[in-house]
All heavy atoms as atom14 arrays in JSON, in Angstrom:
{
  "sequence": "AERFDRVCHLAAQAGVRHSITNPSVYVSSNIQGFLNILEAARSTPVD",
  "atom14_mask": [
    [1, 1, 1, 1, 1, 0, 0, 0, 0, 0, 0, 0, 0, 0],
    [1, 1, 1, 1, 1, 1, 1, 1, 1, 0, 0, 0, 0, 0],
    [1, 1, 1, 1, 1, 1, 1, 1, 1, 1, 1, 0, 0, 0],
    [1, 1, 1, 1, 1, 1, 1, 1, 1, 1, 1, 0, 0, 0],
    [1, 1, 1, 1, 1, 1, 1, 1, 0, 0, 0, 0, 0, 0],
    [1, 1, 1, 1, 1, 1, 1, 1, 1, 1, 1, 0, 0, 0],
    [1, 1, 1, 1, 1, 1, 1, 0, 0, 0, 0, 0, 0, 0],
    [1, 1, 1, 1, 1, 1, 0, 0, 0, 0, 0, 0, 0, 0],
    [1, 1, 1, 1, 1, 1, 1, 1, 1, 1, 0, 0, 0, 0],
    [1, 1, 1, 1, 1, 1, 1, 1, 0, 0, 0, 0, 0, 0],
    [1, 1, 1, 1, 1, 0, 0, 0, 0, 0, 0, 0, 0, 0],
    [1, 1, 1, 1, 1, 0, 0, 0, 0, 0, 0, 0, 0, 0],
    [1, 1, 1, 1, 1, 1, 1, 1, 1, 0, 0, 0, 0, 0],
    [1, 1, 1, 1, 1, 0, 0, 0, 0, 0, 0, 0, 0, 0],
    [1, 1, 1, 1, 0, 0, 0, 0, 0, 0, 0, 0, 0, 0],
    [1, 1, 1, 1, 1, 1, 1, 0, 0, 0, 0, 0, 0, 0],
    [1, 1, 1, 1, 1, 1, 1, 1, 1, 1, 1, 0, 0, 0],
    [1, 1, 1, 1, 1, 1, 1, 1, 1, 1, 0, 0, 0, 0],
    [1, 1, 1, 1, 1, 1, 0, 0, 0, 0, 0, 0, 0, 0],
    [1, 1, 1, 1, 1, 1, 1, 1, 0, 0, 0, 0, 0, 0],
    [1, 1, 1, 1, 1, 1, 1, 0, 0, 0, 0, 0, 0, 0],
    [1, 1, 1, 1, 1, 1, 1, 1, 0, 0, 0, 0, 0, 0],
    [1, 1, 1, 1, 1, 1, 1, 0, 0, 0, 0, 0, 0, 0],
    [1, 1, 1, 1, 1, 1, 0, 0, 0, 0, 0, 0, 0, 0],
    [1, 1, 1, 1, 1, 1, 1, 0, 0, 0, 0, 0, 0, 0],
    [1, 1, 1, 1, 1, 1, 1, 1, 1, 1, 1, 1, 0, 0],
    [1, 1, 1, 1, 1, 1, 1, 0, 0, 0, 0, 0, 0, 0],
    [1, 1, 1, 1, 1, 1, 0, 0, 0, 0, 0, 0, 0, 0],
    [1, 1, 1, 1, 1, 1, 0, 0, 0, 0, 0, 0, 0, 0],
    [1, 1, 1, 1, 1, 1, 1, 1, 0, 0, 0, 0, 0, 0],
    [1, 1, 1, 1, 1, 1, 1, 1, 0, 0, 0, 0, 0, 0],
    [1, 1, 1, 1, 1, 1, 1, 1, 1, 0, 0, 0, 0, 0],
    [1, 1, 1, 1, 0, 0, 0, 0, 0, 0, 0, 0, 0, 0],
    [1, 1, 1, 1, 1, 1, 1, 1, 1, 1, 1, 0, 0, 0],
    [1, 1, 1, 1, 1, 1, 1, 1, 0, 0, 0, 0, 0, 0],
    [1, 1, 1, 1, 1, 1, 1, 1, 0, 0, 0, 0, 0, 0],
    [1, 1, 1, 1, 1, 1, 1, 1, 0, 0, 0, 0, 0, 0],
    [1, 1, 1, 1, 1, 1, 1, 1, 0, 0, 0, 0, 0, 0],
    [1, 1, 1, 1, 1, 1, 1, 1, 1, 0, 0, 0, 0, 0],
    [1, 1, 1, 1, 1, 0, 0, 0, 0, 0, 0, 0, 0, 0],
    [1, 1, 1, 1, 1, 0, 0, 0, 0, 0, 0, 0, 0, 0],
    [1, 1, 1, 1, 1, 1, 1, 1, 1, 1, 1, 0, 0, 0],
    [1, 1, 1, 1, 1, 1, 0, 0, 0, 0, 0, 0, 0, 0],
    [1, 1, 1, 1, 1, 1, 1, 0, 0, 0, 0, 0, 0, 0],
    [1, 1, 1, 1, 1, 1, 1, 0, 0, 0, 0, 0, 0, 0],
    [1, 1, 1, 1, 1, 1, 1, 0, 0, 0, 0, 0, 0, 0],
    [1, 1, 1, 1, 1, 1, 1, 1, 0, 0, 0, 0, 0, 0]
  ],
  "atom14_positions": [
    [[0.82, -1.22, 0.0], [0.0, 0.0, 0.0], [0.85, 1.27, 0.0], [0.5, 2.26, -0.65], [-0.93, 0.0, 1.22], [0.0, 0.0, 0.0], [0.0, 0.0, 0.0], [0.0, 0.0, 0.0], [0.0, 0.0, 0.0], [0.0, 0.0, 0.0], [0.0, 0.0, 0.0], [0.0, 0.0, 0.0], [0.0, 0.0, 0.0], [0.0, 0.0, 0.0]],
    [[1.98, 1.25, 0.71], [2.77, 2.47, 0.91], [3.92, 2.65, -0.08], [4.37, 3.78, -0.32], [3.31, 2.51, 2.33], [2.24, 2.61, 3.4], [1.46, 3.92, 3.31], [2.02, 4.94, 2.88], [0.27, 3.9, 3.67], [0.0, 0.0, 0.0], [0.0, 0.0, 0.0], [0.0, 0.0, 0.0], [0.0, 0.0, 0.0], [0.0, 0.0, 0.0]],
    [[4.42, 1.56, -0.66], [5.52, 1.65, -1.63], [6.7, 2.45, -1.08], [7.07, 3.51, -1.59], [5.03, 2.28, -2.94], [3.87, 1.54, -3.59], [4.37, 0.33, -4.36], [3.29, -0.53, -4.8], [3.46, -1.6, -5.57], [4.69, -1.94, -5.95], [2.45, -2.35, -5.93], [0.0, 0.0, 0.0], [0.0, 0.0, 0.0], [0.0, 0.0, 0.0]],
    [[7.31, 1.94, -0.03], [8.42, 2.64, 0.63], [9.65, 2.73, -0.27], [9.96, 1.8, -1.02], [8.8, 1.92, 1.92], [7.68, 1.83, 2.92], [7.09, 0.61, 3.22], [7.19, 2.97, 3.56], [6.06, 0.51, 4.13], [6.16, 2.89, 4.48], [5.59, 1.67, 4.76], [0.0, 0.0, 0.0], [0.0, 0.0, 0.0], [0.0, 0.0, 0.0]],
    [[10.33, 3.85, -0.17], [11.63, 3.97, -0.84], [12.69, 3.23, -0.04], [13.54, 2.54, -0.61], [12.03, 5.45, -0.97], [11.06, 6.23, -1.83], [10.78, 5.79, -2.95], [10.58, 7.28, -1.36], [0.0, 0.0, 0.0], [0.0, 0.0, 0.0], [0.0, 0.0, 0.0], [0.0, 0.0, 0.0], [0.0, 0.0, 0.0], [0.0, 0.0, 0.0]],
    [[12.66, 3.41, 1.29], [13.67, 2.81, 2.15], [13.01, 2.33, 3.44], [11.95, 2.81, 3.82], [14.8, 3.79, 2.44], [15.32, 4.39, 1.13], [16.75, 4.79, 1.12], [17.14, 5.07, -0.28], [18.35, 5.36, -0.67], [19.33, 5.43, 0.21], [18.63, 5.57, -1.94], [0.0, 0.0, 0.0], [0.0, 0.0, 0.0], [0.0, 0.0, 0.0]],
    [[13.68, 1.39, 4.08], [13.17, 0.81, 5.32], [14.28, 0.83, 6.36], [15.41, 0.43, 6.07], [12.69, -0.64, 5.11], [12.29, -1.28, 6.44], [11.52, -0.68, 4.13], [0.0, 0.0, 0.0], [0.0, 0.0, 0.0], [0.0, 0.0, 0.0], [0.0, 0.0, 0.0], [0.0, 0.0, 0.0], [0.0, 0.0, 0.0], [0.0, 0.0, 0.0]],
    [[13.95, 1.28, 7.58], [14.86, 1.2, 8.73], [14.22, 0.23, 9.72], [13.28, 0.59, 10.42], [15.05, 2.57, 9.38], [15.89, 3.76, 8.34], [0.0, 0.0, 0.0], [0.0, 0.0, 0.0], [0.0, 0.0, 0.0], [0.0, 0.0, 0.0], [0.0, 0.0, 0.0], [0.0, 0.0, 0.0], [0.0, 0.0, 0.0], [0.0, 0.0, 0.0]],
    [[14.73, -0.97, 9.75], [14.14, -2.02, 10.59], [14.88, -2.1, 11.91], [15.95, -2.69, 12.0], [14.18, -3.36, 9.85], [13.65, -4.49, 10.67], [12.4, -4.46, 11.25], [14.21, -5.67, 11.04], [12.19, -5.58, 11.92], [13.28, -6.33, 11.81], [0.0, 0.0, 0.0], [0.0, 0.0, 0.0], [0.0, 0.0, 0.0], [0.0, 0.0, 0.0]],
    [[14.29, -1.49, 12.94], [14.9, -1.46, 14.27], [14.12, -2.27, 15.3], [14.61, -2.51, 16.39], [15.01, -0.01, 14.75], [15.79, 0.95, 13.84], [15.75, 2.36, 14.41], [17.22, 0.49, 13.66], [0.0, 0.0, 0.0], [0.0, 0.0, 0.0], [0.0, 0.0, 0.0], [0.0, 0.0, 0.0], [0.0, 0.0, 0.0], [0.0, 0.0, 0.0]],
    [[12.9, -2.67, 14.95], [12.07, -3.42, 15.89], [12.66, -4.8, 16.14], [13.07, -5.49, 15.21], [10.65, -3.55, 15.34], [0.0, 0.0, 0.0], [0.0, 0.0, 0.0], [0.0, 0.0, 0.0], [0.0, 0.0, 0.0], [0.0, 0.0, 0.0], [0.0, 0.0, 0.0], [0.0, 0.0, 0.0], [0.0, 0.0, 0.0], [0.0, 0.0, 0.0]],
    [[12.72, -5.18, 17.41], [13.22, -6.51, 17.78], [12.99, -6.72, 19.27], [12.79, -5.75, 20.02], [14.72, -6.62, 17.48], [0.0, 0.0, 0.0], [0.0, 0.0, 0.0], [0.0, 0.0, 0.0], [0.0, 0.0, 0.0], [0.0, 0.0, 0.0], [0.0, 0.0, 0.0], [0.0, 0.0, 0.0], [0.0, 0.0, 0.0], [0.0, 0.0, 0.0]],
    [[13.01, -7.96, 19.67], [13.02, -8.25, 21.1], [14.45, -8.07, 21.59], [15.36, -8.75, 21.15], [12.56, -9.68, 21.38], [12.61, -10.07, 22.83], [11.77, -9.14, 23.72], [10.58, -8.98, 23.5], [12.4, -8.52, 24.72], [0.0, 0.0, 0.0], [0.0, 0.0, 0.0], [0.0, 0.0, 0.0], [0.0, 0.0, 0.0], [0.0, 0.0, 0.0]],
    [[14.63, -7.09, 22.47], [15.96, -6.76, 22.96], [16.28, -7.53, 24.23], [15.42, -8.17, 24.83], [16.05, -5.25, 23.2], [0.0, 0.0, 0.0], [0.0, 0.0, 0.0], [0.0, 0.0, 0.0], [0.0, 0.0, 0.0], [0.0, 0.0, 0.0], [0.0, 0.0, 0.0], [0.0, 0.0, 0.0], [0.0, 0.0, 0.0], [0.0, 0.0, 0.0]],
    [[17.55, -7.43, 24.65], [17.95, -7.96, 25.94], [18.68, -9.28, 25.88], [18.12, -10.28, 25.41], [0.0, 0.0, 0.0], [0.0, 0.0, 0.0], [0.0, 0.0, 0.0], [0.0, 0.0, 0.0], [0.0, 0.0, 0.0], [0.0, 0.0, 0.0], [0.0, 0.0, 0.0], [0.0, 0.0, 0.0], [0.0, 0.0, 0.0], [0.0, 0.0, 0.0]],
    [[19.92, -9.29, 26.34], [20.72, -10.51, 26.36], [20.2, -11.48, 27.42], [19.94, -12.65, 27.14], [22.21, -10.18, 26.62], [23.0, -11.44, 26.95], [22.81, -9.47, 25.42], [0.0, 0.0, 0.0], [0.0, 0.0, 0.0], [0.0, 0.0, 0.0], [0.0, 0.0, 0.0], [0.0, 0.0, 0.0], [0.0, 0.0, 0.0], [0.0, 0.0, 0.0]],
    [[20.02, -11.01, 28.65], [19.64, -11.9, 29.74], [18.21, -12.42, 29.57], [17.91, -13.56, 29.93], [19.82, -11.2, 31.08], [21.3, -11.16, 31.51], [21.58, -10.18, 32.6], [21.51, -8.8, 32.17], [22.46, -8.19, 31.46], [23.51, -8.85, 31.07], [22.35, -6.93, 31.11], [0.0, 0.0, 0.0], [0.0, 0.0, 0.0], [0.0, 0.0, 0.0]],
    [[17.33, -11.61, 29.0], [15.96, -12.04, 28.77], [15.91, -13.21, 27.79], [15.02, -14.06, 27.87], [15.15, -10.86, 28.24], [13.67, -11.11, 28.15], [12.89, -11.34, 29.25], [12.83, -11.15, 27.08], [11.63, -11.51, 28.89], [11.57, -11.41, 27.57], [0.0, 0.0, 0.0], [0.0, 0.0, 0.0], [0.0, 0.0, 0.0], [0.0, 0.0, 0.0]],
    [[16.88, -13.25, 26.87], [16.88, -14.33, 25.87], [17.2, -15.68, 26.49], [16.88, -16.72, 25.92], [17.89, -14.01, 24.76], [19.23, -14.15, 25.21], [0.0, 0.0, 0.0], [0.0, 0.0, 0.0], [0.0, 0.0, 0.0], [0.0, 0.0, 0.0], [0.0, 0.0, 0.0], [0.0, 0.0, 0.0], [0.0, 0.0, 0.0], [0.0, 0.0, 0.0]],
    [[17.84, -15.69, 27.66], [18.18, -16.95, 28.32], [16.94, -17.6, 28.93], [16.79, -18.82, 28.93], [19.26, -16.7, 29.39], [20.55, -16.19, 28.73], [19.54, -17.97, 30.19], [21.62, -15.76, 29.72], [0.0, 0.0, 0.0], [0.0, 0.0, 0.0], [0.0, 0.0, 0.0], [0.0, 0.0, 0.0], [0.0, 0.0, 0.0], [0.0, 0.0, 0.0]],
    [[16.04, -16.78, 29.42], [14.84, -17.3, 30.09], [13.6, -17.31, 29.21], [12.63, -18.0, 29.51], [14.53, -16.48, 31.35], [14.42, -15.09, 31.0], [15.65, -16.63, 32.37], [0.0, 0.0, 0.0], [0.0, 0.0, 0.0], [0.0, 0.0, 0.0], [0.0, 0.0, 0.0], [0.0, 0.0, 0.0], [0.0, 0.0, 0.0], [0.0, 0.0, 0.0]],
    [[13.63, -16.55, 28.11], [12.47, -16.47, 27.22], [12.91, -16.61, 25.76], [12.74, -15.68, 24.95], [11.73, -15.15, 27.41], [11.18, -14.98, 28.81], [10.07, -15.42, 29.11], [11.95, -14.35, 29.68], [0.0, 0.0, 0.0], [0.0, 0.0, 0.0], [0.0, 0.0, 0.0], [0.0, 0.0, 0.0], [0.0, 0.0, 0.0], [0.0, 0.0, 0.0]],
    [[13.48, -17.75, 25.39], [14.07, -17.87, 24.04], [13.07, -17.8, 22.89], [13.4, -17.28, 21.82], [14.75, -19.24, 24.09], [14.02, -20.0, 25.16], [13.66, -18.97, 26.18], [0.0, 0.0, 0.0], [0.0, 0.0, 0.0], [0.0, 0.0, 0.0], [0.0, 0.0, 0.0], [0.0, 0.0, 0.0], [0.0, 0.0, 0.0], [0.0, 0.0, 0.0]],
    [[11.86, -18.3, 23.09], [10.93, -18.41, 21.97], [10.56, -17.05, 21.37], [10.35, -16.94, 20.16], [9.65, -19.15, 22.39], [9.0, -18.46, 23.44], [0.0, 0.0, 0.0], [0.0, 0.0, 0.0], [0.0, 0.0, 0.0], [0.0, 0.0, 0.0], [0.0, 0.0, 0.0], [0.0, 0.0, 0.0], [0.0, 0.0, 0.0], [0.0, 0.0, 0.0]],
    [[10.48, -16.01, 22.21], [10.09, -14.7, 21.7], [11.16, -14.13, 20.76], [10.85, -13.36, 19.85], [9.79, -13.72, 22.86], [11.07, -13.34, 23.6], [9.12, -12.45, 22.33], [0.0, 0.0, 0.0], [0.0, 0.0, 0.0], [0.0, 0.0, 0.0], [0.0, 0.0, 0.0], [0.0, 0.0, 0.0], [0.0, 0.0, 0.0], [0.0, 0.0, 0.0]],
    [[12.41, -14.54, 20.94], [13.48, -14.06, 20.07], [13.4, -14.71, 18.69], [13.78, -14.11, 17.69], [14.85, -14.32, 20.72], [15.07, -13.41, 21.91], [14.49, -13.7, 23.14], [15.8, -12.24, 21.8], [14.65, -12.86, 24.23], [15.97, -11.39, 22.88], [15.39, -11.7, 24.09], [15.53, -10.85, 25.16], [0.0, 0.0, 0.0], [0.0, 0.0, 0.0]],
    [[12.9, -15.93, 18.65], [12.7, -16.59, 17.37], [11.54, -15.95, 16.61], [11.66, -15.63, 15.43], [12.46, -18.1, 17.57], [12.14, -18.77, 16.23], [13.67, -18.76, 18.21], [0.0, 0.0, 0.0], [0.0, 0.0, 0.0], [0.0, 0.0, 0.0], [0.0, 0.0, 0.0], [0.0, 0.0, 0.0], [0.0, 0.0, 0.0], [0.0, 0.0, 0.0]],
    [[10.43, -15.73, 17.31], [9.25, -15.17, 16.64], [9.44, -13.7, 16.25], [9.09, -13.29, 15.14], [8.01, -15.31, 17.53], [8.18, -14.63, 18.75], [0.0, 0.0, 0.0], [0.0, 0.0, 0.0], [0.0, 0.0, 0.0], [0.0, 0.0, 0.0], [0.0, 0.0, 0.0], [0.0, 0.0, 0.0], [0.0, 0.0, 0.0], [0.0, 0.0, 0.0]],
    [[10.02, -12.9, 17.14], [10.16, -11.47, 16.86], [11.36, -11.16, 15.98], [11.25, -10.44, 14.98], [10.29, -10.68, 18.17], [9.13, -10.77, 18.94], [0.0, 0.0, 0.0], [0.0, 0.0, 0.0], [0.0, 0.0, 0.0], [0.0, 0.0, 0.0], [0.0, 0.0, 0.0], [0.0, 0.0, 0.0], [0.0, 0.0, 0.0], [0.0, 0.0, 0.0]],
    [[12.52, -11.72, 16.32], [13.76, -11.31, 15.66], [14.08, -12.1, 14.41], [14.65, -11.56, 13.46], [14.93, -11.43, 16.64], [14.78, -10.53, 17.84], [13.75, -9.9, 18.03], [15.81, -10.46, 18.66], [0.0, 0.0, 0.0], [0.0, 0.0, 0.0], [0.0, 0.0, 0.0], [0.0, 0.0, 0.0], [0.0, 0.0, 0.0], [0.0, 0.0, 0.0]],
    [[13.72, -13.37, 14.4], [14.03, -14.2, 13.22], [12.84, -14.25, 12.26], [12.95, -13.87, 11.1], [14.48, -15.6, 13.66], [15.78, -15.49, 14.46], [14.67, -16.5, 12.43], [16.3, -16.81, 15.0], [0.0, 0.0, 0.0], [0.0, 0.0, 0.0], [0.0, 0.0, 0.0], [0.0, 0.0, 0.0], [0.0, 0.0, 0.0], [0.0, 0.0, 0.0]],
    [[11.69, -14.7, 12.75], [10.52, -14.73, 11.87], [10.08, -13.33, 11.47], [9.71, -13.08, 10.32], [9.36, -15.46, 12.57], [8.11, -15.62, 11.7], [8.36, -16.45, 10.45], [8.85, -17.57, 10.55], [8.04, -15.91, 9.28], [0.0, 0.0, 0.0], [0.0, 0.0, 0.0], [0.0, 0.0, 0.0], [0.0, 0.0, 0.0], [0.0, 0.0, 0.0]],
    [[10.12, -12.4, 12.42], [9.72, -11.02, 12.11], [10.6, -10.4, 11.05], [10.11, -9.71, 10.14], [0.0, 0.0, 0.0], [0.0, 0.0, 0.0], [0.0, 0.0, 0.0], [0.0, 0.0, 0.0], [0.0, 0.0, 0.0], [0.0, 0.0, 0.0], [0.0, 0.0, 0.0], [0.0, 0.0, 0.0], [0.0, 0.0, 0.0], [0.0, 0.0, 0.0]],
    [[11.9, -10.64, 11.12], [12.82, -10.1, 10.11], [12.58, -10.76, 8.76], [12.63, -10.11, 7.71], [14.26, -10.3, 10.56], [15.27, -9.66, 9.64], [15.21, -8.3, 9.35], [16.27, -10.41, 9.06], [16.14, -7.71, 8.5], [17.21, -9.83, 8.22], [17.14, -8.47, 7.94], [0.0, 0.0, 0.0], [0.0, 0.0, 0.0], [0.0, 0.0, 0.0]],
    [[12.32, -12.06, 8.77], [12.01, -12.75, 7.51], [10.77, -12.14, 6.86], [10.72, -11.98, 5.63], [11.79, -14.24, 7.77], [11.46, -15.09, 6.54], [12.62, -15.07, 5.55], [11.13, -16.53, 6.95], [0.0, 0.0, 0.0], [0.0, 0.0, 0.0], [0.0, 0.0, 0.0], [0.0, 0.0, 0.0], [0.0, 0.0, 0.0], [0.0, 0.0, 0.0]],
    [[9.77, -11.78, 7.66], [8.56, -11.16, 7.11], [8.87, -9.81, 6.47], [8.29, -9.45, 5.45], [7.51, -11.0, 8.21], [6.95, -12.33, 8.67], [7.06, -13.34, 7.98], [6.35, -12.34, 9.86], [0.0, 0.0, 0.0], [0.0, 0.0, 0.0], [0.0, 0.0, 0.0], [0.0, 0.0, 0.0], [0.0, 0.0, 0.0], [0.0, 0.0, 0.0]],
    [[9.78, -9.04, 7.07], [10.2, -7.77, 6.49], [10.89, -8.01, 5.14], [10.62, -7.32, 4.14], [11.14, -7.01, 7.45], [10.37, -6.49, 8.66], [11.86, -5.86, 6.73], [9.45, -5.32, 8.37], [0.0, 0.0, 0.0], [0.0, 0.0, 0.0], [0.0, 0.0, 0.0], [0.0, 0.0, 0.0], [0.0, 0.0, 0.0], [0.0, 0.0, 0.0]],
    [[11.77, -8.99, 5.1], [12.48, -9.3, 3.84], [11.52, -9.79, 2.76], [11.65, -9.42, 1.59], [13.56, -10.35, 4.1], [14.81, -9.86, 4.83], [15.67, -11.05, 5.25], [15.62, -8.91, 3.95], [0.0, 0.0, 0.0], [0.0, 0.0, 0.0], [0.0, 0.0, 0.0], [0.0, 0.0, 0.0], [0.0, 0.0, 0.0], [0.0, 0.0, 0.0]],
    [[10.56, -10.61, 3.14], [9.59, -11.09, 2.17], [8.73, -9.96, 1.63], [8.39, -9.92, 0.44], [8.7, -12.16, 2.82], [9.31, -13.55, 2.84], [9.43, -14.12, 1.43], [8.41, -14.36, 0.78], [10.59, -14.3, 0.97], [0.0, 0.0, 0.0], [0.0, 0.0, 0.0], [0.0, 0.0, 0.0], [0.0, 0.0, 0.0], [0.0, 0.0, 0.0]],
    [[8.4, -9.01, 2.51], [7.63, -7.84, 2.05], [8.46, -7.0, 1.08], [7.94, -6.5, 0.07], [7.2, -7.0, 3.25], [0.0, 0.0, 0.0], [0.0, 0.0, 0.0], [0.0, 0.0, 0.0], [0.0, 0.0, 0.0], [0.0, 0.0, 0.0], [0.0, 0.0, 0.0], [0.0, 0.0, 0.0], [0.0, 0.0, 0.0], [0.0, 0.0, 0.0]],
    [[9.76, -6.85, 1.38], [10.65, -6.09, 0.49], [10.89, -6.84, -0.82], [11.19, -6.24, -1.85], [11.98, -5.83, 1.19], [0.0, 0.0, 0.0], [0.0, 0.0, 0.0], [0.0, 0.0, 0.0], [0.0, 0.0, 0.0], [0.0, 0.0, 0.0], [0.0, 0.0, 0.0], [0.0, 0.0, 0.0], [0.0, 0.0, 0.0], [0.0, 0.0, 0.0]],
    [[10.75, -8.15, -0.77], [10.86, -8.94, -2.0], [9.63, -8.76, -2.87], [9.73, -8.63, -4.1], [11.03, -10.42, -1.61], [11.04, -11.38, -2.8], [11.04, -12.81, -2.28], [10.93, -13.77, -3.36], [10.73, -15.08, -3.2], [10.65, -15.57, -1.97], [10.64, -15.89, -4.23], [0.0, 0.0, 0.0], [0.0, 0.0, 0.0], [0.0, 0.0, 0.0]],
    [[8.45, -8.73, -2.25], [7.21, -8.62, -3.03], [6.96, -7.19, -3.5], [6.4, -6.97, -4.58], [6.02, -9.1, -2.2], [5.85, -8.31, -1.03], [0.0, 0.0, 0.0], [0.0, 0.0, 0.0], [0.0, 0.0, 0.0], [0.0, 0.0, 0.0], [0.0, 0.0, 0.0], [0.0, 0.0, 0.0], [0.0, 0.0, 0.0], [0.0, 0.0, 0.0]],
    [[7.39, -6.21, -2.7], [7.29, -4.8, -3.08], [8.67, -4.19, -2.88], [9.0, -3.75, -1.78], [6.25, -4.05, -2.23], [5.0, -4.73, -2.27], [6.07, -2.63, -2.75], [0.0, 0.0, 0.0], [0.0, 0.0, 0.0], [0.0, 0.0, 0.0], [0.0, 0.0, 0.0], [0.0, 0.0, 0.0], [0.0, 0.0, 0.0], [0.0, 0.0, 0.0]],
    [[9.5, -4.16, -3.91], [10.91, -3.79, -3.76], [11.12, -2.39, -3.16], [10.32, -1.47, -3.38], [11.45, -3.84, -5.19], [10.55, -4.82, -5.88], [9.19, -4.58, -5.29], [0.0, 0.0, 0.0], [0.0, 0.0, 0.0], [0.0, 0.0, 0.0], [0.0, 0.0, 0.0], [0.0, 0.0, 0.0], [0.0, 0.0, 0.0], [0.0, 0.0, 0.0]],
    [[12.19, -2.28, -2.39], [12.62, -1.01, -1.8], [14.03, -0.72, -2.28], [14.78, -1.62, -2.67], [12.57, -1.04, -0.26], [11.14, -1.3, 0.22], [13.51, -2.08, 0.3], [0.0, 0.0, 0.0], [0.0, 0.0, 0.0], [0.0, 0.0, 0.0], [0.0, 0.0, 0.0], [0.0, 0.0, 0.0], [0.0, 0.0, 0.0], [0.0, 0.0, 0.0]],
    [[14.43, 0.55, -2.24], [15.77, 0.95, -2.68], [16.86, 0.55, -1.69], [18.02, 0.35, -2.08], [15.83, 2.46, -2.91], [14.94, 2.91, -4.06], [14.7, 2.1, -4.97], [14.49, 4.07, -4.05], [0.0, 0.0, 0.0], [0.0, 0.0, 0.0], [0.0, 0.0, 0.0], [0.0, 0.0, 0.0], [0.0, 0.0, 0.0], [0.0, 0.0, 0.0]]
  ]
}
């Protein structure tokens, strides 16, 4: 819908120590979430 020229992807689950006790959220937010951003940039290219 927006046809972005550029993307600054800063969203993520932060925190080193939190990742030790809550690993699953890092997979869903940081790995799967980033893959979704890349797939969106693949379907609607950005500069």
